[in-house]
Amino acid sequence: MKKLEFVSAGLANDPEYNSLGFRCKEFDDIDFDNYIIFAGSSHVEGIGVEKDQTFAHLVSEVLECDHVNLGVGGGGIDALEHNVLMWFMKYDKHPKEIVLEWQIYQRFVKGEYGEENLCPGGSWSDPRFVTYADHPLYIKGEMAYRNLHKLLPVKITDVMHGKISSYTWNSSVIWHCKDDIGSDGEHPGPKSHLKTSENILEVLNR
């Protein structure tokens, strides 16, 4: 039986990423007595900004704690759900907080020929499937949202960049907006990450 692993962006050879392909320190080097988990898509990963400009880094810097960045470029809600649940299966010590960035619900993970791990998929890879499966994917997104909020033993702070369901339209949702553009010409830039970090800190400090 194959060993169950995290779904990552597959950038393990990049010096900014750890050996599992995530943009943070090696998991074994995390201070398990003082850390926060961030999970989501490329917006959490911080595509378009420097590593120390991501809202994950900025929040943990202010709170003087370590952080785990489980952001997966192109990843969907199922990748977020898988990685967060995988973390709690592998590690006994819980984080102080969990910050989840909910992606657009039309994304999903799938197997690709020649790839050992699961890979992100969506309208760019399977446009016909996404058209036919739009409603089931929407329901799956809402189910993941409800289940994680019910099951996880740590408080969750929600960040959104795309709508997944009406269930998330409430006053506690933080919106990661594009106040500027990152170096890739597409993702939010440093000012956007700074503003999102400030909004997250405001919620965490309540």
Protein backbone atom coordinates (compact mmCIF):
# COMPACT_ATOMS: atom_id res chain seq x y z
CA MET A 1 0.00 0.00 0.00
CA LYS A 2 1.33 3.45 -0.95
CA LYS A 3 2.10 5.86 1.84
CA LEU A 4 -0.44 8.66 2.09
CA GLU A 5 1.21 12.06 1.70
CA PHE A 6 0.41 15.76 1.53
CA VAL A 7 -0.68 17.30 -1.77
CA SER A 8 1.86 19.99 -2.66
CA ALA A 9 2.73 22.29 -5.53
CA GLY A 10 5.63 20.00 -6.37
CA LEU A 11 8.39 22.57 -5.87
CA ALA A 12 10.58 20.54 -3.55
CA ASN A 13 13.73 21.47 -5.50
CA ASP A 14 13.19 25.20 -5.01
CA PRO A 15 15.33 26.59 -2.14
CA GLU A 16 12.35 28.60 -0.86
CA TYR A 17 10.38 25.39 -0.37
CA ASN A 18 10.87 22.51 2.03
CA SER A 19 11.49 18.93 0.96
CA LEU A 20 7.74 18.25 0.71
CA GLY A 21 7.15 21.17 -1.63
CA PHE A 22 5.72 23.74 0.80
CA ARG A 23 6.91 27.34 1.20
CA CYS A 24 8.01 27.17 4.80
CA LYS A 25 10.65 25.49 6.94
CA GLU A 26 10.90 21.72 7.21
CA PHE A 27 7.99 20.39 9.24
CA ASP A 28 10.32 18.62 11.67
CA ASP A 29 11.92 22.00 12.46
CA ILE A 30 8.64 23.67 13.43
CA ASP A 31 8.25 24.76 17.05
CA PHE A 32 5.30 22.52 17.85
CA ASP A 33 4.63 24.41 21.06
CA ASN A 34 4.09 27.70 19.22
CA TYR A 35 2.86 27.61 15.63
CA ILE A 36 -0.02 28.46 13.28
CA ILE A 37 -1.25 26.58 10.22
CA PHE A 38 -2.13 28.37 6.98
CA ALA A 39 -3.72 26.36 4.16
CA GLY A 40 -5.18 27.25 0.79
CA SER A 41 -4.08 27.95 -2.77
CA SER A 42 -1.38 30.06 -4.44
CA HIS A 43 -2.63 33.05 -2.43
CA VAL A 44 -1.44 31.37 0.77
CA GLU A 45 1.66 30.02 -0.95
CA GLY A 46 2.40 33.61 -1.90
CA ILE A 47 2.94 33.46 -5.65
CA GLY A 48 4.00 36.92 -6.83
CA VAL A 49 5.55 38.06 -3.54
CA GLU A 50 8.70 37.27 -1.59
CA LYS A 51 8.50 34.59 1.08
CA ASP A 52 8.70 37.16 3.88
CA GLN A 53 5.91 39.22 2.26
CA THR A 54 3.24 36.49 2.43
CA PHE A 55 0.42 37.09 4.88
CA ALA A 56 1.32 33.77 6.52
CA HIS A 57 4.82 35.02 7.31
CA LEU A 58 3.63 38.50 8.37
CA VAL A 59 1.04 37.16 10.81
CA SER A 60 3.44 34.67 12.41
CA GLU A 61 6.11 37.37 12.69
CA VAL A 62 3.81 39.67 14.67
CA LEU A 63 2.63 36.81 16.89
CA GLU A 64 6.22 35.63 17.36
CA CYS A 65 5.50 32.05 16.41
CA ASP A 66 6.33 29.53 13.70
CA HIS A 67 3.98 28.87 10.83
CA VAL A 68 3.18 25.99 8.51
CA ASN A 69 2.32 27.10 4.98
CA LEU A 70 0.20 24.41 3.29
CA GLY A 71 -0.62 26.62 0.31
CA VAL A 72 -0.85 24.69 -2.99
CA GLY A 73 -0.70 26.64 -6.24
CA GLY A 74 -3.72 25.66 -8.35
CA GLY A 75 -5.11 23.59 -5.49
CA GLY A 76 -8.77 23.39 -4.64
CA ILE A 77 -10.87 22.85 -1.55
CA ASP A 78 -10.23 19.10 -1.59
CA ALA A 79 -6.46 19.72 -1.47
CA LEU A 80 -6.98 22.09 1.47
CA GLU A 81 -9.17 19.55 3.27
CA HIS A 82 -6.75 16.69 2.58
CA ASN A 83 -3.67 18.57 3.77
CA VAL A 84 -5.24 19.90 6.96
CA LEU A 85 -6.65 16.51 7.96
CA MET A 86 -3.33 14.89 7.03
CA TRP A 87 -1.54 17.28 9.38
CA PHE A 88 -3.71 16.26 12.33
CA MET A 89 -3.17 12.59 11.46
CA LYS A 90 0.62 13.00 11.43
CA TYR A 91 1.25 15.46 14.26
CA ASP A 92 -0.09 15.28 17.81
CA LYS A 93 0.61 18.83 18.95
CA HIS A 94 -2.09 21.19 17.76
CA PRO A 95 -1.45 24.68 16.33
CA LYS A 96 -2.53 27.80 18.18
CA GLU A 97 -4.73 28.85 15.28
CA ILE A 98 -5.71 27.70 11.78
CA VAL A 99 -6.16 30.13 8.90
CA LEU A 100 -7.90 28.64 5.85
CA GLU A 101 -8.14 30.38 2.48
CA TRP A 102 -11.15 28.96 0.65
CA GLN A 103 -10.57 28.68 -3.09
CA ILE A 104 -13.08 28.68 -5.92
CA TYR A 105 -14.99 25.41 -5.72
CA GLN A 106 -14.37 24.33 -9.36
CA ARG A 107 -10.82 23.15 -8.55
CA PHE A 108 -9.96 19.59 -7.58
CA VAL A 109 -7.03 17.18 -7.25
CA LYS A 110 -6.54 14.26 -9.62
CA GLY A 111 -4.03 11.64 -10.69
CA GLU A 112 -1.80 12.45 -13.67
CA TYR A 113 0.10 9.95 -15.80
CA GLY A 114 3.74 9.83 -14.75
CA GLU A 115 3.14 11.72 -11.49
CA GLU A 116 3.47 9.92 -8.17
CA ASN A 117 1.44 12.46 -6.22
CA LEU A 118 -2.00 13.95 -6.86
CA CYS A 119 -2.01 17.10 -9.00
CA PRO A 120 -4.24 20.20 -9.09
CA GLY A 121 -6.94 20.29 -11.75
CA GLY A 122 -9.61 22.75 -12.86
CA SER A 123 -11.02 24.63 -15.82
CA TRP A 124 -7.55 24.87 -17.36
CA SER A 125 -7.13 21.06 -17.43
CA ASP A 126 -10.67 19.65 -17.63
CA PRO A 127 -13.08 22.36 -18.84
CA ARG A 128 -15.77 19.90 -19.94
CA PHE A 129 -15.72 18.05 -16.63
CA VAL A 130 -15.96 21.30 -14.67
CA THR A 131 -19.00 22.33 -16.73
CA TYR A 132 -20.86 19.10 -16.02
CA ALA A 133 -19.70 18.76 -12.41
CA ASP A 134 -20.21 22.37 -11.33
CA HIS A 135 -23.04 21.70 -8.89
CA PRO A 136 -21.48 18.60 -7.24
CA LEU A 137 -18.20 20.49 -6.81
CA TYR A 138 -20.13 23.37 -5.22
CA ILE A 139 -21.81 20.99 -2.75
CA LYS A 140 -18.47 19.31 -2.02
CA GLY A 141 -16.95 22.70 -1.21
CA GLU A 142 -19.72 23.52 1.23
CA MET A 143 -19.47 20.08 2.85
CA ALA A 144 -15.71 20.49 3.33
CA TYR A 145 -16.27 23.92 4.88
CA ARG A 146 -18.89 22.64 7.31
CA ASN A 147 -16.96 19.47 8.19
CA LEU A 148 -13.64 21.16 8.92
CA HIS A 149 -15.33 23.77 11.11
CA LYS A 150 -17.04 20.95 12.99
CA LEU A 151 -14.17 18.45 13.24
CA LEU A 152 -10.99 20.44 13.81
CA PRO A 153 -10.09 20.95 17.47
CA VAL A 154 -8.64 24.43 16.87
CA LYS A 155 -10.32 27.72 16.01
CA ILE A 156 -10.48 28.44 12.26
CA THR A 157 -10.17 31.89 10.72
CA ASP A 158 -11.61 32.03 7.19
CA VAL A 159 -9.98 33.92 4.34
CA MET A 160 -11.63 33.93 0.93
CA HIS A 161 -10.63 34.87 -2.57
CA GLY A 162 -13.53 33.19 -4.32
CA LYS A 163 -17.07 32.30 -3.32
CA ILE A 164 -17.69 28.66 -2.37
CA SER A 165 -21.17 28.91 -0.87
CA SER A 166 -23.59 31.28 0.79
CA TYR A 167 -22.71 29.59 4.07
CA THR A 168 -19.47 31.57 4.21
CA TRP A 169 -21.04 35.00 3.73
CA ASN A 170 -20.72 36.28 7.28
CA SER A 171 -18.97 39.04 9.16
CA SER A 172 -16.00 36.88 10.17
CA VAL A 173 -14.84 36.17 6.61
CA ILE A 174 -11.66 38.02 5.61
CA TRP A 175 -11.31 38.88 1.94
CA HIS A 176 -7.87 38.66 0.34
CA CYS A 177 -8.18 41.45 -2.22
CA LYS A 178 -5.97 42.81 -5.01
CA ASP A 179 -4.88 46.23 -3.81
CA ASP A 180 -1.76 45.73 -5.92
CA ILE A 181 -0.33 43.13 -8.29
CA GLY A 182 2.53 40.73 -7.56
CA SER A 183 5.68 40.19 -9.59
CA ASP A 184 3.98 37.48 -11.66
CA GLY A 185 1.52 40.06 -13.02
CA GLU A 186 -1.52 38.15 -11.78
CA HIS A 187 -1.61 37.47 -8.04
CA PRO A 188 -2.02 40.01 -5.21
CA GLY A 189 1.13 41.92 -4.33
CA PRO A 190 2.87 42.95 -1.09
CA LYS A 191 0.34 45.64 -0.14
CA SER A 192 -2.50 43.13 -0.51
CA HIS A 193 -0.73 40.57 1.68
CA LEU A 194 0.02 43.22 4.30
CA LYS A 195 -3.62 44.30 4.43
CA THR A 196 -4.81 40.68 4.67
CA SER A 197 -2.32 40.01 7.49
CA GLU A 198 -3.63 43.03 9.39
CA ASN A 199 -7.21 41.82 8.97
CA ILE A 200 -6.27 38.32 10.17
CA LEU A 201 -4.46 39.73 13.21
CA GLU A 202 -7.49 41.84 14.07
CA VAL A 203 -9.64 38.70 14.15
CA LEU A 204 -7.09 36.63 16.06
CA ASN A 205 -6.67 39.33 18.70
CA ARG A 206 -10.37 39.64 19.47
